[in-house]
Amino acid sequence: MPRISEFYGIAVYIYYRDHNPPHFHAIYGDSEAIVEIRTGAILEGRLPRRAAKLVGEWCELHRDALFADWALAEAQQPLLPIEPLD
């Protein structure tokens, strides 16, 4: 499971054999959420409020890079790291 970013204790992954819609997995401690790239909405799971807010901000800032990594994952190519949230 390729980790593409990590910030404030939140690890972000895109899995190679995942399904549509384009999304990523955000893990913070024992919490995990699946986040839609297009909207930044949590599709499944949950994160603490503060972590969810940070993930939403990060997604908005890096949406193009996330879509690019999703396309790479679909093509079974190595994913590119994405800058963490400052």
PDB file of N, CA and C in Angstrom:
ATOM      1  N   MET A   1       0.833  -1.175   0.000  1.00  0.00           N
ATOM      2  CA  MET A   1       0.000   0.000   0.000  1.00  0.00           C
ATOM      3  C   MET A   1       0.878   1.238   0.000  1.00  0.00           C
ATOM      4  N   PRO A   2       0.967   1.883  -1.122  1.00  0.00           N
ATOM      5  CA  PRO A   2       1.864   3.040  -1.259  1.00  0.00           C
ATOM      6  C   PRO A   2       1.390   4.267  -0.477  1.00  0.00           C
ATOM      7  N   ARG A   3       2.252   4.695   0.432  1.00  0.00           N
ATOM      8  CA  ARG A   3       1.966   5.936   1.169  1.00  0.00           C
ATOM      9  C   ARG A   3       2.431   7.087   0.295  1.00  0.00           C
ATOM     10  N   ILE A   4       1.527   8.036   0.037  1.00  0.00           N
ATOM     11  CA  ILE A   4       1.877   9.160  -0.832  1.00  0.00           C
ATOM     12  C   ILE A   4       2.150  10.435  -0.062  1.00  0.00           C
ATOM     13  N   SER A   5       1.712  10.484   1.214  1.00  0.00           N
ATOM     14  CA  SER A   5       1.977  11.670   2.027  1.00  0.00           C
ATOM     15  C   SER A   5       1.766  11.344   3.492  1.00  0.00           C
ATOM     16  N   GLU A   6       2.333  12.193   4.337  1.00  0.00           N
ATOM     17  CA  GLU A   6       2.113  12.083   5.775  1.00  0.00           C
ATOM     18  C   GLU A   6       2.285  13.458   6.397  1.00  0.00           C
ATOM     19  N   PHE A   7       1.331  13.837   7.246  1.00  0.00           N
ATOM     20  CA  PHE A   7       1.389  15.137   7.901  1.00  0.00           C
ATOM     21  C   PHE A   7       0.558  15.087   9.177  1.00  0.00           C
ATOM     22  N   TYR A   8       1.047  15.727  10.222  1.00  0.00           N
ATOM     23  CA  TYR A   8       0.354  15.805  11.509  1.00  0.00           C
ATOM     24  C   TYR A   8      -0.144  14.447  12.003  1.00  0.00           C
ATOM     25  N   GLY A   9       0.633  13.404  11.752  1.00  0.00           N
ATOM     26  CA  GLY A   9       0.258  12.067  12.193  1.00  0.00           C
ATOM     27  C   GLY A   9      -0.754  11.366  11.299  1.00  0.00           C
ATOM     28  N   ILE A  10      -1.107  11.981  10.180  1.00  0.00           N
ATOM     29  CA  ILE A  10      -2.075  11.408   9.235  1.00  0.00           C
ATOM     30  C   ILE A  10      -1.283  10.821   8.062  1.00  0.00           C
ATOM     31  N   ALA A  11      -1.486   9.544   7.790  1.00  0.00           N
ATOM     32  CA  ALA A  11      -0.849   8.892   6.648  1.00  0.00           C
ATOM     33  C   ALA A  11      -1.879   8.763   5.530  1.00  0.00           C
ATOM     34  N   VAL A  12      -1.451   9.042   4.303  1.00  0.00           N
ATOM     35  CA  VAL A  12      -2.354   9.018   3.153  1.00  0.00           C
ATOM     36  C   VAL A  12      -1.840   7.977   2.154  1.00  0.00           C
ATOM     37  N   TYR A  13      -2.750   7.105   1.738  1.00  0.00           N
ATOM     38  CA  TYR A  13      -2.415   6.014   0.823  1.00  0.00           C
ATOM     39  C   TYR A  13      -3.368   5.996  -0.360  1.00  0.00           C
ATOM     40  N   ILE A  14      -2.844   5.537  -1.508  1.00  0.00           N
ATOM     41  CA  ILE A  14      -3.681   5.143  -2.639  1.00  0.00           C
ATOM     42  C   ILE A  14      -3.293   3.705  -2.936  1.00  0.00           C
ATOM     43  N   TYR A  15      -4.292   2.835  -3.013  1.00  0.00           N
ATOM     44  CA  TYR A  15      -4.046   1.418  -3.265  1.00  0.00           C
ATOM     45  C   TYR A  15      -4.148   1.137  -4.758  1.00  0.00           C
ATOM     46  N   TYR A  16      -3.308   0.242  -5.242  1.00  0.00           N
ATOM     47  CA  TYR A  16      -3.251  -0.051  -6.674  1.00  0.00           C
ATOM     48  C   TYR A  16      -4.513  -0.703  -7.225  1.00  0.00           C
ATOM     49  N   ARG A  17      -5.133  -1.571  -6.519  1.00  0.00           N
ATOM     50  CA  ARG A  17      -6.279  -2.305  -7.077  1.00  0.00           C
ATOM     51  C   ARG A  17      -7.596  -1.813  -6.504  1.00  0.00           C
ATOM     52  N   ASP A  18      -7.672  -0.528  -6.243  1.00  0.00           N
ATOM     53  CA  ASP A  18      -8.886   0.032  -5.666  1.00  0.00           C
ATOM     54  C   ASP A  18      -9.917   0.320  -6.746  1.00  0.00           C
ATOM     55  N   HIS A  19     -11.103   0.648  -6.341  1.00  0.00           N
ATOM     56  CA  HIS A  19     -12.270   0.823  -7.203  1.00  0.00           C
ATOM     57  C   HIS A  19     -12.600   2.310  -7.351  1.00  0.00           C
ATOM     58  N   ASN A  20     -13.423   2.623  -8.335  1.00  0.00           N
ATOM     59  CA  ASN A  20     -13.933   3.982  -8.498  1.00  0.00           C
ATOM     60  C   ASN A  20     -15.002   4.247  -7.457  1.00  0.00           C
ATOM     61  N   PRO A  21     -15.276   5.476  -7.096  1.00  0.00           N
ATOM     62  CA  PRO A  21     -14.694   6.711  -7.615  1.00  0.00           C
ATOM     63  C   PRO A  21     -13.272   6.902  -7.098  1.00  0.00           C
ATOM     64  N   PRO A  22     -12.489   7.732  -7.794  1.00  0.00           N
ATOM     65  CA  PRO A  22     -11.125   8.000  -7.342  1.00  0.00           C
ATOM     66  C   PRO A  22     -11.121   8.496  -5.889  1.00  0.00           C
ATOM     67  N   HIS A  23     -10.295   7.861  -5.079  1.00  0.00           N
ATOM     68  CA  HIS A  23     -10.268   8.180  -3.659  1.00  0.00           C
ATOM     69  C   HIS A  23      -8.906   7.829  -3.066  1.00  0.00           C
ATOM     70  N   PHE A  24      -8.719   8.222  -1.817  1.00  0.00           N
ATOM     71  CA  PHE A  24      -7.529   7.832  -1.078  1.00  0.00           C
ATOM     72  C   PHE A  24      -7.940   7.432   0.325  1.00  0.00           C
ATOM     73  N   HIS A  25      -7.034   6.785   1.020  1.00  0.00           N
ATOM     74  CA  HIS A  25      -7.261   6.348   2.391  1.00  0.00           C
ATOM     75  C   HIS A  25      -6.442   7.241   3.312  1.00  0.00           C
ATOM     76  N   ALA A  26      -7.077   7.782   4.320  1.00  0.00           N
ATOM     77  CA  ALA A  26      -6.403   8.603   5.332  1.00  0.00           C
ATOM     78  C   ALA A  26      -6.481   7.852   6.654  1.00  0.00           C
ATOM     79  N   ILE A  27      -5.325   7.649   7.284  1.00  0.00           N
ATOM     80  CA  ILE A  27      -5.265   6.911   8.536  1.00  0.00           C
ATOM     81  C   ILE A  27      -4.648   7.810   9.601  1.00  0.00           C
ATOM     82  N   TYR A  28      -5.346   7.908  10.717  1.00  0.00           N
ATOM     83  CA  TYR A  28      -4.883   8.704  11.849  1.00  0.00           C
ATOM     84  C   TYR A  28      -5.110   7.864  13.104  1.00  0.00           C
ATOM     85  N   GLY A  29      -4.030   7.366  13.690  1.00  0.00           N
ATOM     86  CA  GLY A  29      -4.162   6.492  14.849  1.00  0.00           C
ATOM     87  C   GLY A  29      -4.961   5.258  14.488  1.00  0.00           C
ATOM     88  N   ASP A  30      -6.031   5.003  15.240  1.00  0.00           N
ATOM     89  CA  ASP A  30      -6.900   3.855  14.980  1.00  0.00           C
ATOM     90  C   ASP A  30      -8.044   4.189  14.034  1.00  0.00           C
ATOM     91  N   SER A  31      -8.103   5.412  13.553  1.00  0.00           N
ATOM     92  CA  SER A  31      -9.191   5.846  12.673  1.00  0.00           C
ATOM     93  C   SER A  31      -8.740   5.808  11.219  1.00  0.00           C
ATOM     94  N   GLU A  32      -9.658   5.431  10.346  1.00  0.00           N
ATOM     95  CA  GLU A  32      -9.375   5.422   8.912  1.00  0.00           C
ATOM     96  C   GLU A  32     -10.606   5.878   8.157  1.00  0.00           C
ATOM     97  N   ALA A  33     -10.372   6.632   7.089  1.00  0.00           N
ATOM     98  CA  ALA A  33     -11.469   7.085   6.241  1.00  0.00           C
ATOM     99  C   ALA A  33     -11.059   6.970   4.781  1.00  0.00           C
ATOM    100  N   ILE A  34     -12.037   6.708   3.951  1.00  0.00           N
ATOM    101  CA  ILE A  34     -11.869   6.740   2.503  1.00  0.00           C
ATOM    102  C   ILE A  34     -12.419   8.083   2.047  1.00  0.00           C
ATOM    103  N   VAL A  35     -11.579   8.847   1.327  1.00  0.00           N
ATOM    104  CA  VAL A  35     -11.924  10.219   0.959  1.00  0.00           C
ATOM    105  C   VAL A  35     -11.967  10.340  -0.563  1.00  0.00           C
ATOM    106  N   GLU A  36     -13.083  10.839  -1.074  1.00  0.00           N
ATOM    107  CA  GLU A  36     -13.230  11.040  -2.511  1.00  0.00           C
ATOM    108  C   GLU A  36     -12.346  12.207  -2.948  1.00  0.00           C
ATOM    109  N   ILE A  37     -11.576  12.006  -3.997  1.00  0.00           N
ATOM    110  CA  ILE A  37     -10.657  13.043  -4.459  1.00  0.00           C
ATOM    111  C   ILE A  37     -11.425  14.252  -5.004  1.00  0.00           C
ATOM    112  N   ARG A  38     -12.460  14.020  -5.785  1.00  0.00           N
ATOM    113  CA  ARG A  38     -13.175  15.116  -6.453  1.00  0.00           C
ATOM    114  C   ARG A  38     -13.783  16.105  -5.465  1.00  0.00           C
ATOM    115  N   THR A  39     -14.354  15.590  -4.372  1.00  0.00           N
ATOM    116  CA  THR A  39     -15.074  16.467  -3.447  1.00  0.00           C
ATOM    117  C   THR A  39     -14.384  16.655  -2.097  1.00  0.00           C
ATOM    118  N   GLY A  40     -13.501  15.737  -1.748  1.00  0.00           N
ATOM    119  CA  GLY A  40     -12.887  15.768  -0.420  1.00  0.00           C
ATOM    120  C   GLY A  40     -13.796  15.205   0.659  1.00  0.00           C
ATOM    121  N   ALA A  41     -14.935  14.649   0.259  1.00  0.00           N
ATOM    122  CA  ALA A  41     -15.894  14.089   1.211  1.00  0.00           C
ATOM    123  C   ALA A  41     -15.460  12.712   1.684  1.00  0.00           C
ATOM    124  N   ILE A  42     -15.741  12.422   2.941  1.00  0.00           N
ATOM    125  CA  ILE A  42     -15.474  11.090   3.474  1.00  0.00           C
ATOM    126  C   ILE A  42     -16.578  10.164   2.981  1.00  0.00           C
ATOM    127  N   LEU A  43     -16.168   9.123   2.246  1.00  0.00           N
ATOM    128  CA  LEU A  43     -17.117   8.164   1.692  1.00  0.00           C
ATOM    129  C   LEU A  43     -17.409   7.031   2.670  1.00  0.00           C
ATOM    130  N   GLU A  44     -16.418   6.694   3.462  1.00  0.00           N
ATOM    131  CA  GLU A  44     -16.546   5.558   4.369  1.00  0.00           C
ATOM    132  C   GLU A  44     -15.575   5.752   5.530  1.00  0.00           C
ATOM    133  N   GLY A  45     -15.940   5.261   6.690  1.00  0.00           N
ATOM    134  CA  GLY A  45     -15.094   5.378   7.863  1.00  0.00           C
ATOM    135  C   GLY A  45     -15.252   6.735   8.519  1.00  0.00           C
ATOM    136  N   ARG A  46     -14.298   7.033   9.411  1.00  0.00           N
ATOM    137  CA  ARG A  46     -14.351   8.333  10.080  1.00  0.00           C
ATOM    138  C   ARG A  46     -12.975   8.707  10.586  1.00  0.00           C
ATOM    139  N   LEU A  47     -12.803   9.993  10.763  1.00  0.00           N
ATOM    140  CA  LEU A  47     -11.598  10.569  11.355  1.00  0.00           C
ATOM    141  C   LEU A  47     -12.042  11.533  12.449  1.00  0.00           C
ATOM    142  N   PRO A  48     -11.199  11.770  13.449  1.00  0.00           N
ATOM    143  CA  PRO A  48     -11.529  12.830  14.400  1.00  0.00           C
ATOM    144  C   PRO A  48     -11.724  14.153  13.646  1.00  0.00           C
ATOM    145  N   ARG A  49     -12.554  15.018  14.195  1.00  0.00           N
ATOM    146  CA  ARG A  49     -12.932  16.265  13.513  1.00  0.00           C
ATOM    147  C   ARG A  49     -11.725  17.043  13.000  1.00  0.00           C
ATOM    148  N   ARG A  50     -10.717  17.245  13.848  1.00  0.00           N
ATOM    149  CA  ARG A  50      -9.538  18.029  13.450  1.00  0.00           C
ATOM    150  C   ARG A  50      -8.783  17.349  12.303  1.00  0.00           C
ATOM    151  N   ALA A  51      -8.602  16.037  12.385  1.00  0.00           N
ATOM    152  CA  ALA A  51      -7.907  15.299  11.322  1.00  0.00           C
ATOM    153  C   ALA A  51      -8.706  15.372  10.023  1.00  0.00           C
ATOM    154  N   ALA A  52     -10.024  15.243  10.104  1.00  0.00           N
ATOM    155  CA  ALA A  52     -10.863  15.324   8.907  1.00  0.00           C
ATOM    156  C   ALA A  52     -10.736  16.695   8.245  1.00  0.00           C
ATOM    157  N   LYS A  53     -10.685  17.739   9.048  1.00  0.00           N
ATOM    158  CA  LYS A  53     -10.526  19.098   8.506  1.00  0.00           C
ATOM    159  C   LYS A  53      -9.178  19.245   7.797  1.00  0.00           C
ATOM    160  N   LEU A  54      -8.115  18.742   8.416  1.00  0.00           N
ATOM    161  CA  LEU A  54      -6.784  18.815   7.807  1.00  0.00           C
ATOM    162  C   LEU A  54      -6.728  18.032   6.500  1.00  0.00           C
ATOM    163  N   VAL A  55      -7.324  16.850   6.483  1.00  0.00           N
ATOM    164  CA  VAL A  55      -7.346  16.030   5.270  1.00  0.00           C
ATOM    165  C   VAL A  55      -8.117  16.744   4.170  1.00  0.00           C
ATOM    166  N   GLY A  56      -9.232  17.370   4.507  1.00  0.00           N
ATOM    167  CA  GLY A  56     -10.006  18.115   3.513  1.00  0.00           C
ATOM    168  C   GLY A  56      -9.218  19.268   2.918  1.00  0.00           C
ATOM    169  N   GLU A  57      -8.520  20.011   3.767  1.00  0.00           N
ATOM    170  CA  GLU A  57      -7.684  21.122   3.287  1.00  0.00           C
ATOM    171  C   GLU A  57      -6.579  20.610   2.374  1.00  0.00           C
ATOM    172  N   TRP A  58      -5.924  19.534   2.792  1.00  0.00           N
ATOM    173  CA  TRP A  58      -4.825  18.959   2.002  1.00  0.00           C
ATOM    174  C   TRP A  58      -5.344  18.472   0.649  1.00  0.00           C
ATOM    175  N   CYS A  59      -6.491  17.809   0.650  1.00  0.00           N
ATOM    176  CA  CYS A  59      -7.085  17.311  -0.593  1.00  0.00           C
ATOM    177  C   CYS A  59      -7.364  18.458  -1.557  1.00  0.00           C
ATOM    178  N   GLU A  60      -7.929  19.532  -1.055  1.00  0.00           N
ATOM    179  CA  GLU A  60      -8.236  20.688  -1.901  1.00  0.00           C
ATOM    180  C   GLU A  60      -6.969  21.265  -2.530  1.00  0.00           C
ATOM    181  N   LEU A  61      -5.905  21.357  -1.743  1.00  0.00           N
ATOM    182  CA  LEU A  61      -4.642  21.917  -2.240  1.00  0.00           C
ATOM    183  C   LEU A  61      -3.954  21.026  -3.268  1.00  0.00           C
ATOM    184  N   HIS A  62      -4.164  19.721  -3.177  1.00  0.00           N
ATOM    185  CA  HIS A  62      -3.396  18.767  -3.996  1.00  0.00           C
ATOM    186  C   HIS A  62      -4.283  17.891  -4.883  1.00  0.00           C
ATOM    187  N   ARG A  63      -5.467  18.373  -5.216  1.00  0.00           N
ATOM    188  CA  ARG A  63      -6.414  17.572  -6.000  1.00  0.00           C
ATOM    189  C   ARG A  63      -5.816  17.094  -7.331  1.00  0.00           C
ATOM    190  N   ASP A  64      -5.129  17.964  -8.051  1.00  0.00           N
ATOM    191  CA  ASP A  64      -4.552  17.557  -9.345  1.00  0.00           C
ATOM    192  C   ASP A  64      -3.519  16.452  -9.163  1.00  0.00           C
ATOM    193  N   ALA A  65      -2.667  16.586  -8.158  1.00  0.00           N
ATOM    194  CA  ALA A  65      -1.649  15.563  -7.892  1.00  0.00           C
ATOM    195  C   ALA A  65      -2.297  14.247  -7.463  1.00  0.00           C
ATOM    196  N   LEU A  66      -3.385  14.328  -6.716  1.00  0.00           N
ATOM    197  CA  LEU A  66      -4.099  13.116  -6.305  1.00  0.00           C
ATOM    198  C   LEU A  66      -4.699  12.402  -7.514  1.00  0.00           C
ATOM    199  N   PHE A  67      -5.314  13.153  -8.418  1.00  0.00           N
ATOM    200  CA  PHE A  67      -5.850  12.535  -9.634  1.00  0.00           C
ATOM    201  C   PHE A  67      -4.720  11.918 -10.475  1.00  0.00           C
ATOM    202  N   ALA A  68      -3.575  12.587 -10.518  1.00  0.00           N
ATOM    203  CA  ALA A  68      -2.436  12.044 -11.266  1.00  0.00           C
ATOM    204  C   ALA A  68      -1.964  10.728 -10.639  1.00  0.00           C
ATOM    205  N   ASP A  69      -1.879  10.672  -9.319  1.00  0.00           N
ATOM    206  CA  ASP A  69      -1.481   9.425  -8.659  1.00  0.00           C
ATOM    207  C   ASP A  69      -2.530   8.341  -8.852  1.00  0.00           C
ATOM    208  N   TRP A  70      -3.812   8.715  -8.849  1.00  0.00           N
ATOM    209  CA  TRP A  70      -4.868   7.725  -9.095  1.00  0.00           C
ATOM    210  C   TRP A  70      -4.678   7.099 -10.480  1.00  0.00           C
ATOM    211  N   ALA A  71      -4.376   7.938 -11.481  1.00  0.00           N
ATOM    212  CA  ALA A  71      -4.156   7.432 -12.841  1.00  0.00           C
ATOM    213  C   ALA A  71      -2.931   6.522 -12.884  1.00  0.00           C
ATOM    214  N   LEU A  72      -1.884   6.889 -12.165  1.00  0.00           N
ATOM    215  CA  LEU A  72      -0.697   6.036 -12.093  1.00  0.00           C
ATOM    216  C   LEU A  72      -1.037   4.689 -11.455  1.00  0.00           C
ATOM    217  N   ALA A  73      -1.819   4.709 -10.405  1.00  0.00           N
ATOM    218  CA  ALA A  73      -2.207   3.459  -9.736  1.00  0.00           C
ATOM    219  C   ALA A  73      -3.008   2.570 -10.684  1.00  0.00           C
ATOM    220  N   GLU A  74      -3.908   3.168 -11.438  1.00  0.00           N
ATOM    221  CA  GLU A  74      -4.693   2.381 -12.403  1.00  0.00           C
ATOM    222  C   GLU A  74      -3.803   1.756 -13.460  1.00  0.00           C
ATOM    223  N   ALA A  75      -2.717   2.442 -13.822  1.00  0.00           N
ATOM    224  CA  ALA A  75      -1.771   1.938 -14.821  1.00  0.00           C
ATOM    225  C   ALA A  75      -0.693   1.060 -14.193  1.00  0.00           C
ATOM    226  N   GLN A  76      -0.815   0.798 -12.888  1.00  0.00           N
ATOM    227  CA  GLN A  76       0.152  -0.026 -12.164  1.00  0.00           C
ATOM    228  C   GLN A  76       1.568   0.559 -12.221  1.00  0.00           C
ATOM    229  N   GLN A  77       1.647   1.883 -12.165  1.00  0.00           N
ATOM    230  CA  GLN A  77       2.919   2.594 -12.192  1.00  0.00           C
ATOM    231  C   GLN A  77       3.252   3.101 -10.783  1.00  0.00           C
ATOM    232  N   PRO A  78       4.531   3.366 -10.508  1.00  0.00           N
ATOM    233  CA  PRO A  78       4.884   3.901  -9.188  1.00  0.00           C
ATOM    234  C   PRO A  78       4.201   5.257  -8.942  1.00  0.00           C
ATOM    235  N   LEU A  79       3.735   5.434  -7.723  1.00  0.00           N
ATOM    236  CA  LEU A  79       3.069   6.677  -7.358  1.00  0.00           C
ATOM    237  C   LEU A  79       4.083   7.723  -6.929  1.00  0.00           C
ATOM    238  N   LEU A  80       3.716   8.966  -7.108  1.00  0.00           N
ATOM    239  CA  LEU A  80       4.599  10.077  -6.738  1.00  0.00           C
ATOM    240  C   LEU A  80       4.199  10.614  -5.377  1.00  0.00           C
ATOM    241  N   PRO A  81       5.174  10.945  -4.543  1.00  0.00           N
ATOM    242  CA  PRO A  81       4.826  11.533  -3.249  1.00  0.00           C
ATOM    243  C   PRO A  81       4.189  12.916  -3.445  1.00  0.00           C
ATOM    244  N   ILE A  82       3.329  13.272  -2.510  1.00  0.00           N
ATOM    245  CA  ILE A  82       2.656  14.571  -2.553  1.00  0.00           C
ATOM    246  C   ILE A  82       3.042  15.341  -1.297  1.00  0.00           C
ATOM    247  N   GLU A  83       3.318  16.597  -1.466  1.00  0.00           N
ATOM    248  CA  GLU A  83       3.763  17.452  -0.350  1.00  0.00           C
ATOM    249  C   GLU A  83       2.788  17.369   0.819  1.00  0.00           C
ATOM    250  N   PRO A  84       3.290  17.329   2.019  1.00  0.00           N
ATOM    251  CA  PRO A  84       2.404  17.330   3.190  1.00  0.00           C
ATOM    252  C   PRO A  84       1.806  18.729   3.413  1.00  0.00           C
ATOM    253  N   LEU A  85       0.846  18.764   4.284  1.00  0.00           N
ATOM    254  CA  LEU A  85       0.248  20.029   4.678  1.00  0.00           C
ATOM    255  C   LEU A  85       1.210  20.730   5.621  1.00  0.00           C
ATOM    256  N   ASP A  86       1.451  22.022   5.401  1.00  0.00           N
ATOM    257  CA  ASP A  86       2.364  22.781   6.246  1.00  0.00           C
ATOM    258  C   ASP A  86       1.698  23.249   7.511  1.00  0.00           C
TER     259      ASP A  86
END
